[in-house]
């Protein structure tokens, strides 16, 4: 007891010293004030402050922070657009000036969050107000770039940096969604009708071309067939003429009547009519007078050919 009474001041000094020790967690920076005035910062680890004189004003986190936003905007054609987005931000850097801004610009993190959210919402609403509702869905990237461009300056003055802004969902009123679905459906039907018309036109064009080619091929084949038939008939007549000439010469040498050849041709013709007829009716005068009349006609034709 005498020792304690003698060295009480050492005990008080020890208590005061140990009361000045404190720890700063990783990812956090402590802001120190002396009699209410900014004194300095303490980084992660075991640190010391002057007891009763210096105070820990705030512990500033330098880690990334995120917040989800849900708000409404109105397009230039008076359509309500509903946004769901995620905001990722952090302290700009760990410099002492930056930490001092972060610590003293706002009373609390709640005030910072309110200012940050309202700033981002205001910028998105200003952008959406210049666009039509039909354009909004395709402008996610443009919205993000517009917000970053206009918000970064304010955040830098506060000591923060906007890491990322993700617009997760964009929706409209139910009536607008239904009308947009109808527009998409009608456009799809229009495109399908146009494609079907093009396909039908191509099909008919190809069919017409094929039919034209078939007609050309058939006409060419018919022409060649007619030519060949003509050549065959000409050769046949030539051979018949040669045969008849030879037969006539032989009959003259034998002092026979050449009309026998005509009679033979007549009988051969009647034989062919009877043998190869396909049901057609051919009227012939089979009497001797009829044959004599026919023979005279054939001889007259032969006489005309000879002249």
Protein backbone atom coordinates (compact mmCIF):
# COMPACT_ATOMS: atom_id res chain seq x y z
CA UNK A 1 0.00 0.00 0.00
CA UNK A 2 2.89 2.31 0.76
CA UNK A 3 4.37 1.58 -2.70
CA UNK A 4 1.09 2.39 -4.39
CA UNK A 5 0.73 5.56 -2.37
CA UNK A 6 4.28 6.51 -3.23
CA UNK A 7 4.06 5.78 -6.99
CA UNK A 8 0.42 6.59 -7.68
CA UNK A 9 1.38 8.99 -10.39
CA UNK A 10 3.08 6.19 -12.31
CA UNK A 11 -0.13 4.20 -12.14
CA UNK A 12 -2.12 7.13 -13.50
CA UNK A 13 0.46 7.66 -16.20
CA UNK A 14 0.25 3.99 -17.20
CA UNK A 15 -3.54 4.10 -17.30
CA UNK A 16 -3.44 7.26 -19.40
CA UNK A 17 -0.90 5.74 -21.79
CA UNK A 18 -2.81 2.55 -22.34
CA UNK A 19 -6.04 4.50 -22.74
CA UNK A 20 -4.41 6.25 -25.70
CA UNK A 21 -3.80 3.00 -27.56
CA UNK A 22 -6.36 1.86 -30.14
CA UNK A 23 -6.51 -0.36 -33.21
CA UNK A 24 -7.54 0.48 -36.76
CA UNK A 25 -8.94 -2.41 -38.82
CA UNK A 26 -7.71 -3.30 -42.28
CA UNK A 27 -9.55 -1.34 -44.99
CA UNK A 28 -10.30 1.46 -42.52
CA UNK A 29 -8.63 4.81 -41.79
CA UNK A 30 -9.23 6.65 -38.50
CA UNK A 31 -9.62 10.43 -38.58
CA UNK A 32 -8.20 12.13 -35.44
CA UNK A 33 -9.24 15.53 -34.09
CA UNK A 34 -7.56 17.58 -31.35
CA UNK A 35 -9.95 19.71 -29.34
CA UNK A 36 -12.43 19.37 -32.26
CA UNK A 37 -9.93 20.39 -34.94
CA UNK A 38 -8.58 18.02 -37.56
CA UNK A 39 -5.26 16.57 -36.41
CA UNK A 40 -4.42 13.72 -38.74
CA UNK A 41 -5.23 10.17 -39.78
CA UNK A 42 -4.22 6.77 -38.50
CA UNK A 43 -3.98 3.78 -40.82
CA UNK A 44 -4.49 0.07 -40.08
CA UNK A 45 -2.74 -1.38 -37.03
CA UNK A 46 -2.13 -0.50 -33.36
CA UNK A 47 -2.05 3.29 -33.03
CA UNK A 48 -1.74 5.91 -30.30
CA UNK A 49 -3.55 9.16 -29.61
CA UNK A 50 -3.04 11.64 -26.84
CA UNK A 51 -5.52 10.78 -24.10
CA UNK A 52 -8.15 13.39 -23.30
CA UNK A 53 -6.75 15.68 -26.01
CA UNK A 54 -7.20 13.75 -29.23
CA UNK A 55 -10.36 11.94 -30.24
CA UNK A 56 -11.29 9.48 -33.01
CA UNK A 57 -13.70 11.60 -35.04
CA UNK A 58 -14.63 8.95 -37.61
CA UNK A 59 -13.46 5.68 -39.03
CA UNK A 60 -13.55 5.91 -42.83
CA UNK A 61 -13.86 2.69 -44.84
CA UNK A 62 -11.86 2.60 -48.07
CA UNK A 63 -13.58 -0.59 -49.24
CA UNK A 64 -16.11 -0.73 -52.08
CA UNK A 65 -19.72 -0.13 -51.11
CA UNK A 66 -22.89 -0.87 -53.02
CA UNK A 67 -26.49 0.24 -52.85
CA UNK A 68 -29.60 -0.76 -54.79
CA UNK A 69 -31.81 1.94 -56.30
CA UNK A 70 -35.45 1.83 -57.39
CA UNK A 71 -37.02 4.93 -58.89
CA UNK A 72 -39.33 6.21 -61.62
CA UNK A 73 -38.71 8.51 -64.58
CA UNK A 74 -40.94 10.01 -67.29
CA UNK A 75 -40.07 10.05 -71.00
CA UNK A 76 -40.65 12.91 -73.41
CA UNK A 77 -43.87 11.21 -74.60
CA UNK A 78 -45.17 10.98 -71.00
CA UNK A 79 -44.51 7.28 -70.42
CA UNK A 80 -43.58 6.09 -66.93
CA UNK A 81 -40.32 4.13 -66.77
CA UNK A 82 -39.30 2.16 -63.68
CA UNK A 83 -35.62 1.50 -62.98
CA UNK A 84 -33.88 -1.01 -60.74
CA UNK A 85 -30.15 -0.44 -60.56
CA UNK A 86 -27.11 -1.22 -58.47
CA UNK A 87 -24.56 1.46 -57.54
CA UNK A 88 -20.96 0.57 -56.68
CA UNK A 89 -18.76 3.34 -55.22
CA UNK A 90 -15.74 3.78 -53.00
CA UNK A 91 -13.37 6.37 -51.52
CA UNK A 92 -11.39 7.89 -54.38
CA UNK A 93 -7.98 7.08 -52.85
CA UNK A 94 -6.23 6.84 -49.48
CA UNK A 95 -4.53 10.23 -49.63
CA UNK A 96 -4.90 12.38 -46.52
CA UNK A 97 -6.67 15.17 -48.39
CA UNK A 98 -9.21 12.72 -49.80
CA UNK A 99 -9.85 11.14 -46.39
CA UNK A 100 -10.32 14.60 -44.90
CA UNK A 101 -12.99 15.38 -47.54
CA UNK A 102 -14.78 12.14 -46.84
CA UNK A 103 -14.76 12.71 -43.11
CA UNK A 104 -16.02 16.29 -43.03
CA UNK A 105 -18.22 16.79 -46.14
CA UNK A 106 -21.25 15.03 -44.62
CA UNK A 107 -22.46 14.64 -41.08
CA UNK A 108 -23.09 10.94 -41.52
CA UNK A 109 -23.06 8.18 -44.10
CA UNK A 110 -26.86 8.46 -44.28
CA UNK A 111 -26.57 12.04 -45.57
CA UNK A 112 -23.94 10.96 -48.10
CA UNK A 113 -26.12 8.13 -49.33
CA UNK A 114 -29.13 10.38 -49.70
CA UNK A 115 -27.16 12.96 -51.70
CA UNK A 116 -25.58 10.27 -53.88
CA UNK A 117 -28.85 8.50 -54.66
CA UNK A 118 -30.71 11.72 -55.40
CA UNK A 119 -27.90 12.93 -57.68
CA UNK A 120 -27.93 9.73 -59.71
CA UNK A 121 -31.73 9.63 -59.90
CA UNK A 122 -31.81 13.26 -61.04
CA UNK A 123 -29.30 12.63 -63.82
CA UNK A 124 -31.15 9.54 -65.07
CA UNK A 125 -34.47 11.39 -65.00
CA UNK A 126 -32.93 14.28 -66.95
CA UNK A 127 -31.64 11.87 -69.59
CA UNK A 128 -34.89 9.90 -69.86
CA UNK A 129 -36.92 13.11 -70.17
CA UNK A 130 -35.28 13.75 -73.57
CA UNK A 131 -36.03 10.28 -75.01
CA UNK A 132 -39.11 8.40 -76.19
CA UNK A 133 -40.27 5.27 -74.42
CA UNK A 134 -39.51 3.15 -77.49
CA UNK A 135 -35.84 4.20 -77.27
CA UNK A 136 -35.19 3.58 -73.58
CA UNK A 137 -34.61 -0.18 -73.69
CA UNK A 138 -31.75 0.22 -76.15
CA UNK A 139 -30.02 3.01 -74.21
CA UNK A 140 -28.75 1.24 -71.08
CA UNK A 141 -25.10 1.91 -71.90
CA UNK A 142 -25.83 5.51 -72.88
CA UNK A 143 -27.64 6.11 -69.59
CA UNK A 144 -24.72 4.71 -67.58
CA UNK A 145 -22.18 6.82 -69.49
CA UNK A 146 -24.33 9.95 -69.08
CA UNK A 147 -24.61 9.42 -65.32
CA UNK A 148 -20.90 8.73 -64.86
CA UNK A 149 -20.00 11.83 -66.84
CA UNK A 150 -22.18 14.12 -64.72
CA UNK A 151 -21.80 12.44 -61.31
CA UNK A 152 -18.05 11.88 -61.19
CA UNK A 153 -17.34 15.59 -60.72
CA UNK A 154 -19.63 15.81 -57.69
CA UNK A 155 -18.31 12.58 -56.19
CA UNK A 156 -14.71 13.74 -56.65
CA UNK A 157 -15.49 16.87 -54.67
CA UNK A 158 -16.86 14.65 -51.91
CA UNK A 159 -13.83 12.34 -52.02
CA UNK A 160 -15.62 9.40 -53.66
CA UNK A 161 -15.47 7.65 -57.02
CA UNK A 162 -18.28 5.91 -58.92
CA UNK A 163 -16.96 2.43 -59.67
CA UNK A 164 -19.93 1.08 -61.59
CA UNK A 165 -23.62 1.64 -62.26
CA UNK A 166 -25.63 -1.34 -63.43
CA UNK A 167 -29.19 -0.92 -64.64
CA UNK A 168 -30.64 -4.34 -63.89
CA UNK A 169 -34.23 -3.82 -64.93
CA UNK A 170 -36.28 -1.33 -66.97
CA UNK A 171 -40.05 -1.72 -66.94
CA UNK A 172 -43.09 0.27 -68.08
CA UNK A 173 -46.74 0.47 -67.17
CA UNK A 174 -48.75 -2.61 -68.13
CA UNK A 175 -50.63 -0.78 -70.87
CA UNK A 176 -47.37 0.33 -72.46
CA UNK A 177 -45.92 -3.18 -72.22
CA UNK A 178 -48.99 -4.61 -73.96
CA UNK A 179 -48.85 -1.97 -76.69
CA UNK A 180 -45.13 -2.61 -77.23
CA UNK A 181 -45.84 -6.33 -77.48
CA UNK A 182 -48.49 -5.64 -80.10
CA UNK A 183 -46.08 -3.46 -82.06
CA UNK A 184 -43.43 -6.18 -81.96
CA UNK A 185 -45.97 -8.81 -82.96
CA UNK A 186 -47.26 -6.70 -85.86
CA UNK A 187 -43.71 -6.02 -87.03
CA UNK A 188 -42.97 -9.74 -86.88
CA UNK A 189 -46.11 -10.51 -88.87
CA UNK A 190 -45.17 -7.83 -91.40
CA UNK A 191 -41.67 -9.25 -91.75
CA UNK A 192 -43.08 -12.77 -92.07
CA UNK A 193 -45.52 -11.62 -94.77
CA UNK A 194 -42.73 -9.89 -96.65
CA UNK A 195 -40.54 -12.97 -96.41
CA UNK A 196 -43.42 -15.18 -97.52
CA UNK A 197 -44.13 -12.86 -100.46
CA UNK A 198 -40.48 -12.89 -101.46
CA UNK A 199 -40.38 -16.67 -101.20
CA UNK A 200 -43.57 -17.00 -103.28
CA UNK A 201 -42.19 -14.59 -105.89
CA UNK A 202 -38.95 -16.55 -106.09
CA UNK A 203 -40.87 -19.83 -106.34
CA UNK A 204 -43.10 -18.57 -109.12
CA UNK A 205 -40.16 -16.99 -110.94
CA UNK A 206 -38.20 -20.20 -110.79
CA UNK A 207 -41.26 -22.20 -111.87
CA UNK A 208 -41.80 -19.84 -114.82
CA UNK A 209 -38.14 -20.10 -115.76
CA UNK A 210 -38.30 -23.89 -115.52
CA UNK A 211 -41.48 -23.97 -117.61
CA UNK A 212 -39.91 -21.66 -120.20
CA UNK A 213 -36.80 -23.82 -120.33
CA UNK A 214 -38.96 -26.93 -120.67
CA UNK A 215 -40.89 -25.35 -123.56
CA UNK A 216 -37.62 -24.35 -125.23
CA UNK A 217 -36.21 -27.84 -124.79
CA UNK A 218 -39.44 -29.44 -126.06
CA UNK A 219 -39.57 -27.08 -129.05
CA UNK A 220 -35.93 -27.79 -129.86
CA UNK A 221 -36.55 -31.51 -129.54
CA UNK A 222 -39.65 -31.25 -131.74
CA UNK A 223 -37.71 -29.27 -134.32
CA UNK A 224 -34.94 -31.83 -134.38
CA UNK A 225 -37.48 -34.66 -134.52
CA UNK A 226 -39.32 -32.98 -137.41
CA UNK A 227 -36.03 -32.47 -139.20
CA UNK A 228 -35.12 -36.09 -138.71
CA UNK A 229 -38.58 -37.22 -139.81
CA UNK A 230 -38.26 -35.06 -142.95
CA UNK A 231 -34.84 -36.49 -143.65
CA UNK A 232 -36.23 -40.00 -143.13
CA UNK A 233 -39.17 -39.38 -145.47
CA UNK A 234 -36.84 -37.91 -148.08
CA UNK A 235 -34.54 -40.91 -147.86
CA UNK A 236 -37.52 -43.24 -148.03
CA UNK A 237 -38.85 -41.53 -151.13
CA UNK A 238 -35.41 -41.56 -152.67
CA UNK A 239 -35.03 -45.27 -152.08
CA UNK A 240 -38.58 -45.95 -153.31
CA UNK A 241 -37.87 -43.94 -156.44
CA UNK A 242 -34.66 -45.85 -157.02
CA UNK A 243 -36.43 -49.16 -156.50
CA UNK A 244 -39.27 -48.24 -158.79
CA UNK A 245 -36.87 -47.00 -161.48
CA UNK A 246 -34.94 -50.24 -161.37
CA UNK A 247 -38.15 -52.25 -161.46
CA UNK A 248 -39.44 -50.21 -164.40
CA UNK A 249 -36.18 -50.75 -166.30
CA UNK A 250 -36.35 -54.46 -165.69
CA UNK A 251 -39.98 -54.62 -166.80
CA UNK A 252 -39.23 -52.66 -169.99
CA UNK A 253 -36.42 -55.08 -170.78
CA UNK A 254 -38.90 -57.95 -170.24
CA UNK A 255 -41.62 -56.20 -172.33
CA UNK A 256 -43.99 -56.05 -169.32
CA UNK A 257 -46.55 -53.35 -168.52
CA UNK A 258 -45.15 -50.90 -165.94
CA UNK A 259 -48.64 -50.31 -164.57
CA UNK A 260 -48.13 -53.51 -162.62
CA UNK A 261 -45.91 -51.47 -160.29
CA UNK A 262 -48.73 -49.04 -159.61
CA UNK A 263 -51.10 -51.96 -159.00
CA UNK A 264 -48.62 -53.45 -156.54
CA UNK A 265 -48.33 -50.10 -154.71
CA UNK A 266 -52.11 -49.90 -154.49
CA UNK A 267 -52.45 -53.35 -153.00
CA UNK A 268 -49.61 -52.69 -150.52
CA UNK A 269 -51.34 -49.49 -149.41
CA UNK A 270 -54.61 -51.32 -148.77
CA UNK A 271 -52.69 -54.02 -146.89
CA UNK A 272 -51.03 -51.38 -144.61
CA UNK A 273 -54.36 -49.67 -143.96
CA UNK A 274 -55.81 -52.97 -142.78
CA UNK A 275 -52.78 -54.11 -140.80
CA UNK A 276 -51.78 -50.92 -138.94
CA UNK A 277 -55.08 -49.09 -138.62
CA UNK A 278 -55.92 -47.97 -135.05
CA UNK A 279 -59.67 -47.93 -135.33
CA UNK A 280 -59.86 -45.13 -137.90
CA UNK A 281 -62.42 -45.60 -140.69
CA UNK A 282 -61.08 -45.18 -144.25
CA UNK A 283 -63.51 -45.52 -147.14
CA UNK A 284 -61.97 -47.06 -150.32
CA UNK A 285 -63.66 -48.09 -153.54
CA UNK A 286 -62.62 -51.73 -153.95
CA UNK A 287 -64.46 -52.34 -157.25
CA UNK A 288 -62.62 -52.79 -160.54
CA UNK A 289 -63.93 -49.46 -161.76
CA UNK A 290 -62.78 -47.80 -158.58
CA UNK A 291 -59.36 -49.38 -158.89
CA UNK A 292 -59.14 -48.32 -162.55
CA UNK A 293 -60.10 -44.77 -161.60
CA UNK A 294 -57.53 -44.69 -158.83
CA UNK A 295 -54.86 -46.08 -161.16
CA UNK A 296 -55.59 -43.36 -163.72
CA UNK A 297 -55.22 -40.73 -161.03
CA UNK A 298 -51.90 -42.17 -159.88
CA UNK A 299 -50.64 -42.35 -163.46
CA UNK A 300 -51.71 -38.74 -164.06
CA UNK A 301 -49.77 -37.64 -160.94
CA UNK A 302 -46.75 -39.62 -162.10
CA UNK A 303 -47.01 -38.04 -165.55
CA UNK A 304 -47.13 -34.54 -163.97
CA UNK A 305 -44.08 -35.30 -161.85
CA UNK A 306 -42.18 -36.55 -164.89
CA UNK A 307 -42.92 -33.27 -166.73
